[in-house]
Amino acid sequence: MPTLQEILDERDAAIAILNQKLQAAQDLQNAGAAGMDNTIKALLAQRTKVATQAYAAAQSDPAMAQALAALRAATAEMTTVAARMVSATTFITNVASLGTATEKAVAALKGSS
């Protein structure tokens, strides 16, 4: 069974990805890139969901092993998508994909709560 620390580590990894992309999106917005407001709002909402569900999952039971495996897979997918988000255009075109990967992380956490 995974430990609370493993759940928290994966939560932190998912949030770190989102924080990196938030900072980059804000930098693009500050540089004058159009369309970043909704992207930033979406990233903030995704970060909140991950944090909230991780808390609930951390209080859970034997399903945590399965949830942790699903969370690790989702975090890996988030990393892959985040790597493609380097310009304003790729941010806008990939924010939905990052959202989908984030939803998988949230679902994995919900599955353990």
Protein backbone atom coordinates (compact mmCIF):
# COMPACT_ATOMS: atom_id res chain seq x y z
CA MET A 1 0.00 0.00 0.00
CA PRO A 2 1.38 3.42 -0.86
CA THR A 3 2.25 5.77 1.91
CA LEU A 4 0.80 9.16 2.51
CA GLN A 5 4.16 10.59 1.44
CA GLU A 6 3.91 8.87 -1.95
CA ILE A 7 0.47 10.40 -2.52
CA LEU A 8 1.79 13.81 -1.48
CA ASP A 9 4.88 13.43 -3.69
CA GLU A 10 2.73 12.69 -6.74
CA ARG A 11 0.39 15.57 -5.86
CA ASP A 12 3.40 17.84 -5.60
CA ALA A 13 4.72 16.61 -8.96
CA ALA A 14 1.39 17.35 -10.65
CA ILE A 15 1.16 20.77 -9.02
CA ALA A 16 4.79 21.58 -9.95
CA ILE A 17 3.98 20.91 -13.62
CA LEU A 18 0.95 23.17 -13.41
CA ASN A 19 2.93 25.88 -11.57
CA GLN A 20 5.63 25.84 -14.26
CA LYS A 21 3.03 26.25 -16.98
CA LEU A 22 1.23 28.96 -15.00
CA GLN A 23 4.44 30.94 -14.71
CA ALA A 24 5.19 30.50 -18.40
CA ALA A 25 1.63 31.48 -19.35
CA GLN A 26 1.87 34.59 -17.18
CA ASP A 27 5.20 35.46 -18.81
CA LEU A 28 3.60 35.09 -22.24
CA GLN A 29 0.65 37.22 -21.14
CA ASN A 30 3.01 39.90 -19.80
CA ALA A 31 4.81 39.83 -23.13
CA GLY A 32 1.55 40.64 -24.87
CA ALA A 33 0.41 37.20 -26.06
CA ALA A 34 -3.31 37.13 -26.77
CA GLY A 35 -5.70 34.55 -25.36
CA MET A 36 -3.79 33.76 -22.19
CA ASP A 37 -6.50 34.82 -19.67
CA ASN A 38 -8.59 31.69 -20.18
CA THR A 39 -5.48 29.52 -20.28
CA ILE A 40 -4.32 30.90 -16.94
CA LYS A 41 -7.77 30.45 -15.40
CA ALA A 42 -7.88 26.84 -16.65
CA LEU A 43 -4.46 26.08 -15.20
CA LEU A 44 -5.42 27.62 -11.84
CA ALA A 45 -8.61 25.55 -11.73
CA GLN A 46 -6.68 22.38 -12.57
CA ARG A 47 -4.15 23.07 -9.80
CA THR A 48 -6.96 23.56 -7.27
CA LYS A 49 -8.62 20.29 -8.29
CA VAL A 50 -5.40 18.32 -7.89
CA ALA A 51 -4.69 19.81 -4.46
CA THR A 52 -8.25 19.26 -3.23
CA GLN A 53 -8.48 15.67 -4.39
CA ALA A 54 -5.02 14.80 -3.09
CA TYR A 55 -6.13 15.84 0.36
CA ALA A 56 -9.19 13.61 0.15
CA ALA A 57 -7.15 10.72 -1.25
CA ALA A 58 -4.58 11.01 1.51
CA GLN A 59 -7.29 10.16 4.04
CA SER A 60 -8.25 6.99 2.24
CA ASP A 61 -7.82 3.23 2.35
CA PRO A 62 -6.49 0.20 0.40
CA ALA A 63 -7.50 1.59 -2.99
CA MET A 64 -4.60 4.02 -2.65
CA ALA A 65 -2.22 1.65 -4.48
CA GLN A 66 -4.39 1.63 -7.57
CA ALA A 67 -4.98 5.36 -7.30
CA LEU A 68 -1.26 6.04 -6.96
CA ALA A 69 -0.50 4.02 -10.11
CA ALA A 70 -3.18 5.94 -12.02
CA LEU A 71 -1.90 9.23 -10.61
CA ARG A 72 1.67 8.42 -11.65
CA ALA A 73 0.48 7.64 -15.18
CA ALA A 74 -1.52 10.88 -15.30
CA THR A 75 1.43 12.89 -13.99
CA ALA A 76 3.64 11.36 -16.68
CA GLU A 77 1.08 12.36 -19.31
CA MET A 78 0.95 15.87 -17.85
CA THR A 79 4.73 16.10 -18.16
CA THR A 80 4.58 15.06 -21.82
CA VAL A 81 1.88 17.59 -22.66
CA ALA A 82 3.55 20.35 -20.65
CA ALA A 83 6.76 19.86 -22.62
CA ARG A 84 4.89 20.85 -25.79
CA MET A 85 3.68 24.12 -24.23
CA VAL A 86 6.46 26.54 -25.17
CA SER A 87 4.80 29.40 -27.08
CA ALA A 88 1.50 31.24 -26.79
CA THR A 89 0.09 29.19 -29.66
CA THR A 90 1.18 25.86 -28.20
CA PHE A 91 -0.14 26.91 -24.80
CA ILE A 92 -3.55 27.62 -26.21
CA THR A 93 -3.63 24.48 -28.35
CA ASN A 94 -2.38 22.20 -25.57
CA VAL A 95 -4.19 23.56 -22.51
CA ALA A 96 -7.13 21.23 -23.22
CA SER A 97 -4.77 18.25 -23.42
CA LEU A 98 -3.16 19.27 -20.15
CA GLY A 99 -6.65 19.62 -18.70
CA THR A 100 -7.50 16.09 -19.85
CA ALA A 101 -4.35 14.75 -18.23
CA THR A 102 -5.11 16.73 -15.07
CA GLU A 103 -8.62 15.30 -14.99
CA LYS A 104 -7.06 11.83 -15.08
CA ALA A 105 -4.97 12.78 -12.05
CA VAL A 106 -8.06 14.10 -10.28
CA ALA A 107 -10.01 10.96 -11.19
CA ALA A 108 -7.20 8.79 -9.85
CA LEU A 109 -7.30 10.71 -6.60
CA LYS A 110 -11.09 10.48 -6.42
CA GLY A 111 -10.84 6.74 -6.98
CA SER A 112 -8.80 6.44 -3.82
CA SER A 113 -11.12 8.48 -1.65
